[in-house]
């Protein structure tokens, strides 16, 4: 499912226009990404938790040349599925 299909589904289920559903989805995504950018986490009970994890700097290899390279430390977004979502996926 892509973003357009998700907007159609939200519009149909919530009896909204596609524009309203798109605005609602954009608002949710902006709230989640804004919270993560500030280092916070977002927990949706039963669905899952979005958080930020720090990766340490490390050595890696260039797959083409085989040369060793330095990979900088960075922050990455992480998602851990909640129990209800895990149950639905594992049916």
PDB file of N, CA and C in Angstrom:
ATOM      1  N   UNK A   1       0.855  -1.178   0.000  1.00  0.00           N
ATOM      2  CA  UNK A   1       0.000   0.000   0.000  1.00  0.00           C
ATOM      3  C   UNK A   1       0.897   1.235   0.000  1.00  0.00           C
ATOM      4  N   UNK A   2       0.607   2.158  -0.899  1.00  0.00           N
ATOM      5  CA  UNK A   2       1.363   3.407  -0.917  1.00  0.00           C
ATOM      6  C   UNK A   2       0.553   4.520  -0.245  1.00  0.00           C
ATOM      7  N   UNK A   3       1.129   5.727  -0.193  1.00  0.00           N
ATOM      8  CA  UNK A   3       0.482   6.829   0.519  1.00  0.00           C
ATOM      9  C   UNK A   3      -0.885   7.166  -0.086  1.00  0.00           C
ATOM     10  N   UNK A   4      -0.987   7.166  -1.410  1.00  0.00           N
ATOM     11  CA  UNK A   4      -2.259   7.474  -2.071  1.00  0.00           C
ATOM     12  C   UNK A   4      -3.342   6.473  -1.724  1.00  0.00           C
ATOM     13  N   UNK A   5      -2.974   5.196  -1.709  1.00  0.00           N
ATOM     14  CA  UNK A   5      -3.937   4.148  -1.355  1.00  0.00           C
ATOM     15  C   UNK A   5      -4.353   4.261   0.104  1.00  0.00           C
ATOM     16  N   UNK A   6      -3.402   4.624   0.971  1.00  0.00           N
ATOM     17  CA  UNK A   6      -3.720   4.809   2.391  1.00  0.00           C
ATOM     18  C   UNK A   6      -4.671   5.979   2.582  1.00  0.00           C
ATOM     19  N   UNK A   7      -4.458   7.057   1.849  1.00  0.00           N
ATOM     20  CA  UNK A   7      -5.358   8.215   1.922  1.00  0.00           C
ATOM     21  C   UNK A   7      -6.767   7.819   1.475  1.00  0.00           C
ATOM     22  N   UNK A   8      -6.875   7.047   0.396  1.00  0.00           N
ATOM     23  CA  UNK A   8      -8.194   6.578  -0.063  1.00  0.00           C
ATOM     24  C   UNK A   8      -8.886   5.748   1.009  1.00  0.00           C
ATOM     25  N   UNK A   9      -8.137   4.858   1.656  1.00  0.00           N
ATOM     26  CA  UNK A   9      -8.699   3.988   2.701  1.00  0.00           C
ATOM     27  C   UNK A   9      -9.172   4.822   3.890  1.00  0.00           C
ATOM     28  N   UNK A  10      -8.360   5.786   4.318  1.00  0.00           N
ATOM     29  CA  UNK A  10      -8.738   6.660   5.438  1.00  0.00           C
ATOM     30  C   UNK A  10      -9.990   7.447   5.074  1.00  0.00           C
ATOM     31  N   UNK A  11     -10.031   8.009   3.859  1.00  0.00           N
ATOM     32  CA  UNK A  11     -11.187   8.801   3.421  1.00  0.00           C
ATOM     33  C   UNK A  11     -12.458   7.966   3.431  1.00  0.00           C
ATOM     34  N   UNK A  12     -12.358   6.744   2.940  1.00  0.00           N
ATOM     35  CA  UNK A  12     -13.534   5.864   2.884  1.00  0.00           C
ATOM     36  C   UNK A  12     -13.995   5.472   4.290  1.00  0.00           C
ATOM     37  N   UNK A  13     -13.058   5.015   5.136  1.00  0.00           N
ATOM     38  CA  UNK A  13     -13.410   4.541   6.481  1.00  0.00           C
ATOM     39  C   UNK A  13     -13.923   5.652   7.392  1.00  0.00           C
ATOM     40  N   UNK A  14     -13.325   6.841   7.281  1.00  0.00           N
ATOM     41  CA  UNK A  14     -13.700   7.952   8.165  1.00  0.00           C
ATOM     42  C   UNK A  14     -14.734   8.881   7.532  1.00  0.00           C
ATOM     43  N   UNK A  15     -15.177   8.528   6.322  1.00  0.00           N
ATOM     44  CA  UNK A  15     -16.158   9.348   5.597  1.00  0.00           C
ATOM     45  C   UNK A  15     -15.676  10.796   5.466  1.00  0.00           C
ATOM     46  N   UNK A  16     -14.437  10.933   4.971  1.00  0.00           N
ATOM     47  CA  UNK A  16     -13.826  12.233   4.734  1.00  0.00           C
ATOM     48  C   UNK A  16     -13.543  12.365   3.238  1.00  0.00           C
ATOM     49  N   UNK A  17     -13.259  13.583   2.817  1.00  0.00           N
ATOM     50  CA  UNK A  17     -12.789  13.750   1.445  1.00  0.00           C
ATOM     51  C   UNK A  17     -11.333  13.303   1.398  1.00  0.00           C
ATOM     52  N   UNK A  18     -10.829  13.058   0.187  1.00  0.00           N
ATOM     53  CA  UNK A  18      -9.426  12.651   0.051  1.00  0.00           C
ATOM     54  C   UNK A  18      -8.493  13.770   0.523  1.00  0.00           C
ATOM     55  N   UNK A  19      -8.894  15.013   0.298  1.00  0.00           N
ATOM     56  CA  UNK A  19      -8.081  16.150   0.737  1.00  0.00           C
ATOM     57  C   UNK A  19      -7.997  16.174   2.266  1.00  0.00           C
ATOM     58  N   UNK A  20      -9.139  15.988   2.928  1.00  0.00           N
ATOM     59  CA  UNK A  20      -9.148  15.968   4.397  1.00  0.00           C
ATOM     60  C   UNK A  20      -8.335  14.788   4.931  1.00  0.00           C
ATOM     61  N   UNK A  21      -8.490  13.636   4.312  1.00  0.00           N
ATOM     62  CA  UNK A  21      -7.741  12.454   4.743  1.00  0.00           C
ATOM     63  C   UNK A  21      -6.247  12.664   4.530  1.00  0.00           C
ATOM     64  N   UNK A  22      -5.878  13.273   3.415  1.00  0.00           N
ATOM     65  CA  UNK A  22      -4.472  13.571   3.137  1.00  0.00           C
ATOM     66  C   UNK A  22      -3.894  14.531   4.153  1.00  0.00           C
ATOM     67  N   UNK A  23      -4.677  15.554   4.505  1.00  0.00           N
ATOM     68  CA  UNK A  23      -4.234  16.521   5.518  1.00  0.00           C
ATOM     69  C   UNK A  23      -4.063  15.844   6.881  1.00  0.00           C
ATOM     70  N   UNK A  24      -4.985  14.951   7.229  1.00  0.00           N
ATOM     71  CA  UNK A  24      -4.899  14.242   8.512  1.00  0.00           C
ATOM     72  C   UNK A  24      -3.662  13.343   8.544  1.00  0.00           C
ATOM     73  N   UNK A  25      -3.423  12.617   7.463  1.00  0.00           N
ATOM     74  CA  UNK A  25      -2.252  11.739   7.402  1.00  0.00           C
ATOM     75  C   UNK A  25      -0.968  12.555   7.468  1.00  0.00           C
ATOM     76  N   UNK A  26      -0.905  13.653   6.726  1.00  0.00           N
ATOM     77  CA  UNK A  26       0.281  14.514   6.757  1.00  0.00           C
ATOM     78  C   UNK A  26       0.525  15.059   8.162  1.00  0.00           C
ATOM     79  N   UNK A  27      -0.534  15.407   8.858  1.00  0.00           N
ATOM     80  CA  UNK A  27      -0.418  15.912  10.225  1.00  0.00           C
ATOM     81  C   UNK A  27       0.186  14.857  11.154  1.00  0.00           C
ATOM     82  N   UNK A  28      -0.291  13.626  11.033  1.00  0.00           N
ATOM     83  CA  UNK A  28       0.240  12.532  11.865  1.00  0.00           C
ATOM     84  C   UNK A  28       1.712  12.299  11.552  1.00  0.00           C
ATOM     85  N   UNK A  29       2.042  12.223  10.275  1.00  0.00           N
ATOM     86  CA  UNK A  29       3.432  11.965   9.881  1.00  0.00           C
ATOM     87  C   UNK A  29       4.354  13.099  10.322  1.00  0.00           C
ATOM     88  N   UNK A  30       3.888  14.342  10.216  1.00  0.00           N
ATOM     89  CA  UNK A  30       4.683  15.485  10.666  1.00  0.00           C
ATOM     90  C   UNK A  30       4.888  15.465  12.176  1.00  0.00           C
ATOM     91  N   UNK A  31       3.855  15.077  12.917  1.00  0.00           N
ATOM     92  CA  UNK A  31       3.973  14.996  14.375  1.00  0.00           C
ATOM     93  C   UNK A  31       4.980  13.926  14.776  1.00  0.00           C
ATOM     94  N   UNK A  32       4.930  12.773  14.125  1.00  0.00           N
ATOM     95  CA  UNK A  32       5.862  11.682  14.437  1.00  0.00           C
ATOM     96  C   UNK A  32       7.283  12.098  14.079  1.00  0.00           C
ATOM     97  N   UNK A  33       7.494  12.603  12.857  1.00  0.00           N
ATOM     98  CA  UNK A  33       8.854  12.961  12.447  1.00  0.00           C
ATOM     99  C   UNK A  33       9.396  14.132  13.267  1.00  0.00           C
ATOM    100  N   UNK A  34       8.552  15.092  13.616  1.00  0.00           N
ATOM    101  CA  UNK A  34       8.984  16.215  14.445  1.00  0.00           C
ATOM    102  C   UNK A  34       9.412  15.776  15.834  1.00  0.00           C
ATOM    103  N   UNK A  35       8.657  14.854  16.414  1.00  0.00           N
ATOM    104  CA  UNK A  35       9.000  14.329  17.740  1.00  0.00           C
ATOM    105  C   UNK A  35      10.312  13.559  17.682  1.00  0.00           C
ATOM    106  N   UNK A  36      10.491  12.731  16.648  1.00  0.00           N
ATOM    107  CA  UNK A  36      11.731  11.962  16.507  1.00  0.00           C
ATOM    108  C   UNK A  36      12.924  12.894  16.275  1.00  0.00           C
ATOM    109  N   UNK A  37      12.733  13.962  15.507  1.00  0.00           N
ATOM    110  CA  UNK A  37      13.813  14.906  15.238  1.00  0.00           C
ATOM    111  C   UNK A  37      14.305  15.566  16.524  1.00  0.00           C
ATOM    112  N   UNK A  38      13.410  15.706  17.496  1.00  0.00           N
ATOM    113  CA  UNK A  38      13.775  16.294  18.789  1.00  0.00           C
ATOM    114  C   UNK A  38      14.334  15.250  19.754  1.00  0.00           C
ATOM    115  N   UNK A  39      14.432  13.987  19.296  1.00  0.00           N
ATOM    116  CA  UNK A  39      14.978  12.932  20.146  1.00  0.00           C
ATOM    117  C   UNK A  39      13.941  12.219  20.988  1.00  0.00           C
ATOM    118  N   UNK A  40      12.668  12.525  20.791  1.00  0.00           N
ATOM    119  CA  UNK A  40      11.599  11.900  21.559  1.00  0.00           C
ATOM    120  C   UNK A  40      11.153  10.582  20.955  1.00  0.00           C
ATOM    121  N   UNK A  41      10.106  10.020  21.539  1.00  0.00           N
ATOM    122  CA  UNK A  41       9.534   8.800  20.984  1.00  0.00           C
ATOM    123  C   UNK A  41       8.018   8.917  20.960  1.00  0.00           C
ATOM    124  N   UNK A  42       7.402   8.165  20.059  1.00  0.00           N
ATOM    125  CA  UNK A  42       5.948   8.176  19.902  1.00  0.00           C
ATOM    126  C   UNK A  42       5.453   6.757  20.108  1.00  0.00           C
ATOM    127  N   UNK A  43       4.555   6.576  21.079  1.00  0.00           N
ATOM    128  CA  UNK A  43       4.000   5.263  21.377  1.00  0.00           C
ATOM    129  C   UNK A  43       2.513   5.256  21.056  1.00  0.00           C
ATOM    130  N   UNK A  44       2.118   4.327  20.186  1.00  0.00           N
ATOM    131  CA  UNK A  44       0.710   4.125  19.860  1.00  0.00           C
ATOM    132  C   UNK A  44       0.352   2.756  20.440  1.00  0.00           C
ATOM    133  N   UNK A  45      -0.325   2.754  21.577  1.00  0.00           N
ATOM    134  CA  UNK A  45      -0.607   1.526  22.311  1.00  0.00           C
ATOM    135  C   UNK A  45      -1.277   0.502  21.398  1.00  0.00           C
ATOM    136  N   UNK A  46      -0.718  -0.700  21.388  1.00  0.00           N
ATOM    137  CA  UNK A  46      -1.237  -1.776  20.567  1.00  0.00           C
ATOM    138  C   UNK A  46      -0.644  -1.807  19.167  1.00  0.00           C
ATOM    139  N   UNK A  47      -0.187  -0.650  18.669  1.00  0.00           N
ATOM    140  CA  UNK A  47       0.380  -0.587  17.319  1.00  0.00           C
ATOM    141  C   UNK A  47       1.899  -0.683  17.360  1.00  0.00           C
ATOM    142  N   UNK A  48       2.537   0.215  18.127  1.00  0.00           N
ATOM    143  CA  UNK A  48       3.987   0.165  18.220  1.00  0.00           C
ATOM    144  C   UNK A  48       4.590   1.468  18.690  1.00  0.00           C
ATOM    145  N   UNK A  49       5.924   1.484  18.725  1.00  0.00           N
ATOM    146  CA  UNK A  49       6.663   2.639  19.209  1.00  0.00           C
ATOM    147  C   UNK A  49       7.711   3.058  18.183  1.00  0.00           C
ATOM    148  N   UNK A  50       7.691   4.345  17.861  1.00  0.00           N
ATOM    149  CA  UNK A  50       8.709   4.945  17.012  1.00  0.00           C
ATOM    150  C   UNK A  50       9.717   5.612  17.936  1.00  0.00           C
ATOM    151  N   UNK A  51      11.002   5.388  17.698  1.00  0.00           N
ATOM    152  CA  UNK A  51      12.023   6.000  18.535  1.00  0.00           C
ATOM    153  C   UNK A  51      13.268   6.285  17.699  1.00  0.00           C
ATOM    154  N   UNK A  52      14.258   6.909  18.333  1.00  0.00           N
ATOM    155  CA  UNK A  52      15.520   7.226  17.682  1.00  0.00           C
ATOM    156  C   UNK A  52      16.609   6.430  18.369  1.00  0.00           C
ATOM    157  N   UNK A  53      17.474   5.827  17.573  1.00  0.00           N
ATOM    158  CA  UNK A  53      18.588   5.050  18.099  1.00  0.00           C
ATOM    159  C   UNK A  53      19.882   5.652  17.556  1.00  0.00           C
ATOM    160  N   UNK A  54      20.941   5.594  18.369  1.00  0.00           N
ATOM    161  CA  UNK A  54      22.234   6.116  17.930  1.00  0.00           C
ATOM    162  C   UNK A  54      23.118   4.964  17.486  1.00  0.00           C
ATOM    163  N   UNK A  55      23.708   5.112  16.303  1.00  0.00           N
ATOM    164  CA  UNK A  55      24.673   4.130  15.810  1.00  0.00           C
ATOM    165  C   UNK A  55      26.069   4.709  15.993  1.00  0.00           C
ATOM    166  N   UNK A  56      26.965   3.905  16.528  1.00  0.00           N
ATOM    167  CA  UNK A  56      28.339   4.343  16.724  1.00  0.00           C
ATOM    168  C   UNK A  56      29.073   4.368  15.388  1.00  0.00           C
ATOM    169  N   UNK A  57      30.149   5.149  15.357  1.00  0.00           N
ATOM    170  CA  UNK A  57      31.020   5.144  14.180  1.00  0.00           C
ATOM    171  C   UNK A  57      31.662   3.759  14.093  1.00  0.00           C
ATOM    172  N   UNK A  58      31.897   3.311  12.871  1.00  0.00           N
ATOM    173  CA  UNK A  58      32.474   1.975  12.715  1.00  0.00           C
ATOM    174  C   UNK A  58      33.233   1.877  11.397  1.00  0.00           C
ATOM    175  N   UNK A  59      33.952   0.789  11.248  1.00  0.00           N
ATOM    176  CA  UNK A  59      34.687   0.519  10.007  1.00  0.00           C
ATOM    177  C   UNK A  59      33.797  -0.339   9.113  1.00  0.00           C
ATOM    178  N   UNK A  60      33.888  -0.131   7.826  1.00  0.00           N
ATOM    179  CA  UNK A  60      33.136  -0.922   6.869  1.00  0.00           C
ATOM    180  C   UNK A  60      34.004  -1.213   5.657  1.00  0.00           C
ATOM    181  N   UNK A  61      33.442  -1.873   4.680  1.00  0.00           N
ATOM    182  CA  UNK A  61      34.178  -2.190   3.448  1.00  0.00           C
ATOM    183  C   UNK A  61      33.390  -1.723   2.233  1.00  0.00           C
ATOM    184  N   UNK A  62      34.096  -1.130   1.301  1.00  0.00           N
ATOM    185  CA  UNK A  62      33.512  -0.772   0.027  1.00  0.00           C
ATOM    186  C   UNK A  62      33.337  -2.075  -0.750  1.00  0.00           C
ATOM    187  N   UNK A  63      32.106  -2.437  -1.112  1.00  0.00           N
ATOM    188  CA  UNK A  63      31.884  -3.717  -1.773  1.00  0.00           C
ATOM    189  C   UNK A  63      32.560  -3.837  -3.146  1.00  0.00           C
ATOM    190  N   UNK A  64      32.766  -2.725  -3.834  1.00  0.00           N
ATOM    191  CA  UNK A  64      33.405  -2.768  -5.148  1.00  0.00           C
ATOM    192  C   UNK A  64      34.914  -2.968  -5.057  1.00  0.00           C
ATOM    193  N   UNK A  65      35.543  -2.127  -4.217  1.00  0.00           N
ATOM    194  CA  UNK A  65      37.004  -2.156  -4.184  1.00  0.00           C
ATOM    195  C   UNK A  65      37.561  -3.026  -3.057  1.00  0.00           C
ATOM    196  N   UNK A  66      36.739  -3.277  -2.047  1.00  0.00           N
ATOM    197  CA  UNK A  66      37.218  -4.043  -0.897  1.00  0.00           C
ATOM    198  C   UNK A  66      37.996  -3.189   0.091  1.00  0.00           C
ATOM    199  N   UNK A  67      38.133  -1.893  -0.207  1.00  0.00           N
ATOM    200  CA  UNK A  67      38.860  -0.989   0.688  1.00  0.00           C
ATOM    201  C   UNK A  67      38.077  -0.763   1.966  1.00  0.00           C
ATOM    202  N   UNK A  68      38.820  -0.605   3.072  1.00  0.00           N
ATOM    203  CA  UNK A  68      38.186  -0.291   4.353  1.00  0.00           C
ATOM    204  C   UNK A  68      37.794   1.181   4.355  1.00  0.00           C
ATOM    205  N   UNK A  69      36.590   1.477   4.867  1.00  0.00           N
ATOM    206  CA  UNK A  69      36.114   2.861   4.948  1.00  0.00           C
ATOM    207  C   UNK A  69      35.618   3.141   6.354  1.00  0.00           C
ATOM    208  N   UNK A  70      35.595   4.418   6.707  1.00  0.00           N
ATOM    209  CA  UNK A  70      35.060   4.842   7.998  1.00  0.00           C
ATOM    210  C   UNK A  70      33.604   5.245   7.805  1.00  0.00           C
ATOM    211  N   UNK A  71      32.727   4.704   8.631  1.00  0.00           N
ATOM    212  CA  UNK A  71      31.313   5.049   8.596  1.00  0.00           C
ATOM    213  C   UNK A  71      31.041   5.915   9.823  1.00  0.00           C
ATOM    214  N   UNK A  72      30.526   7.113   9.592  1.00  0.00           N
ATOM    215  CA  UNK A  72      30.296   8.068  10.677  1.00  0.00           C
ATOM    216  C   UNK A  72      29.158   7.613  11.587  1.00  0.00           C
ATOM    217  N   UNK A  73      29.192   8.095  12.816  1.00  0.00           N
ATOM    218  CA  UNK A  73      28.096   7.861  13.760  1.00  0.00           C
ATOM    219  C   UNK A  73      26.867   8.611  13.251  1.00  0.00           C
ATOM    220  N   UNK A  74      25.688   8.058  13.512  1.00  0.00           N
ATOM    221  CA  UNK A  74      24.467   8.759  13.110  1.00  0.00           C
ATOM    222  C   UNK A  74      23.284   8.266  13.925  1.00  0.00           C
ATOM    223  N   UNK A  75      22.202   9.030  13.841  1.00  0.00           N
ATOM    224  CA  UNK A  75      20.945   8.651  14.481  1.00  0.00           C
ATOM    225  C   UNK A  75      20.061   7.993  13.428  1.00  0.00           C
ATOM    226  N   UNK A  76      19.320   6.968  13.819  1.00  0.00           N
ATOM    227  CA  UNK A  76      18.403   6.291  12.895  1.00  0.00           C
ATOM    228  C   UNK A  76      17.030   6.143  13.543  1.00  0.00           C
ATOM    229  N   UNK A  77      15.998   6.194  12.728  1.00  0.00           N
ATOM    230  CA  UNK A  77      14.631   5.975  13.208  1.00  0.00           C
ATOM    231  C   UNK A  77      14.418   4.481  13.400  1.00  0.00           C
ATOM    232  N   UNK A  78      13.671   4.141  14.431  1.00  0.00           N
ATOM    233  CA  UNK A  78      13.441   2.738  14.767  1.00  0.00           C
ATOM    234  C   UNK A  78      11.946   2.548  15.047  1.00  0.00           C
ATOM    235  N   UNK A  79      11.421   1.369  14.724  1.00  0.00           N
ATOM    236  CA  UNK A  79      10.027   1.049  15.013  1.00  0.00           C
ATOM    237  C   UNK A  79       9.967  -0.329  15.648  1.00  0.00           C
ATOM    238  N   UNK A  80       9.267  -0.418  16.777  1.00  0.00           N
ATOM    239  CA  UNK A  80       9.061  -1.709  17.428  1.00  0.00           C
ATOM    240  C   UNK A  80       7.558  -1.954  17.461  1.00  0.00           C
ATOM    241  N   UNK A  81       7.132  -3.038  16.836  1.00  0.00           N
ATOM    242  CA  UNK A  81       5.706  -3.364  16.763  1.00  0.00           C
ATOM    243  C   UNK A  81       5.148  -3.669  18.147  1.00  0.00           C
ATOM    244  N   UNK A  82       3.921  -3.223  18.380  1.00  0.00           N
ATOM    245  CA  UNK A  82       3.222  -3.521  19.622  1.00  0.00           C
ATOM    246  C   UNK A  82       2.624  -4.919  19.580  1.00  0.00           C
ATOM    247  N   UNK A  83       2.139  -5.383  20.721  1.00  0.00           N
ATOM    248  CA  UNK A  83       1.640  -6.759  20.832  1.00  0.00           C
ATOM    249  C   UNK A  83       0.431  -7.026  19.932  1.00  0.00           C
ATOM    250  N   UNK A  84      -0.508  -6.091  19.841  1.00  0.00           N
ATOM    251  CA  UNK A  84      -1.690  -6.300  19.010  1.00  0.00           C
ATOM    252  C   UNK A  84      -1.324  -6.378  17.528  1.00  0.00           C
ATOM    253  N   UNK A  85      -0.411  -5.528  17.074  1.00  0.00           N
ATOM    254  CA  UNK A  85       0.032  -5.573  15.680  1.00  0.00           C
ATOM    255  C   UNK A  85       0.768  -6.871  15.404  1.00  0.00           C
ATOM    256  N   UNK A  86       1.614  -7.273  16.322  1.00  0.00           N
ATOM    257  CA  UNK A  86       2.364  -8.541  16.152  1.00  0.00           C
ATOM    258  C   UNK A  86       1.409  -9.728  16.042  1.00  0.00           C
ATOM    259  N   UNK A  87       0.354  -9.724  16.849  1.00  0.00           N
ATOM    260  CA  UNK A  87      -0.630 -10.824  16.793  1.00  0.00           C
ATOM    261  C   UNK A  87      -1.338 -10.856  15.435  1.00  0.00           C
ATOM    262  N   UNK A  88      -1.715  -9.674  14.919  1.00  0.00           N
ATOM    263  CA  UNK A  88      -2.413  -9.618  13.630  1.00  0.00           C
ATOM    264  C   UNK A  88      -1.513 -10.064  12.490  1.00  0.00           C
ATOM    265  N   UNK A  89      -0.251  -9.733  12.558  1.00  0.00           N
ATOM    266  CA  UNK A  89       0.698 -10.111  11.508  1.00  0.00           C
ATOM    267  C   UNK A  89       0.970 -11.617  11.551  1.00  0.00           C
ATOM    268  N   UNK A  90       0.974 -12.190  12.738  1.00  0.00           N
ATOM    269  CA  UNK A  90       1.319 -13.607  12.897  1.00  0.00           C
ATOM    270  C   UNK A  90       0.123 -14.541  12.849  1.00  0.00           C
ATOM    271  N   UNK A  91      -1.024 -14.079  12.371  1.00  0.00           N
ATOM    272  CA  UNK A  91      -2.201 -14.953  12.282  1.00  0.00           C
ATOM    273  C   UNK A  91      -1.997 -16.009  11.249  1.00  0.00           C
TER     274      UNK A  91
END
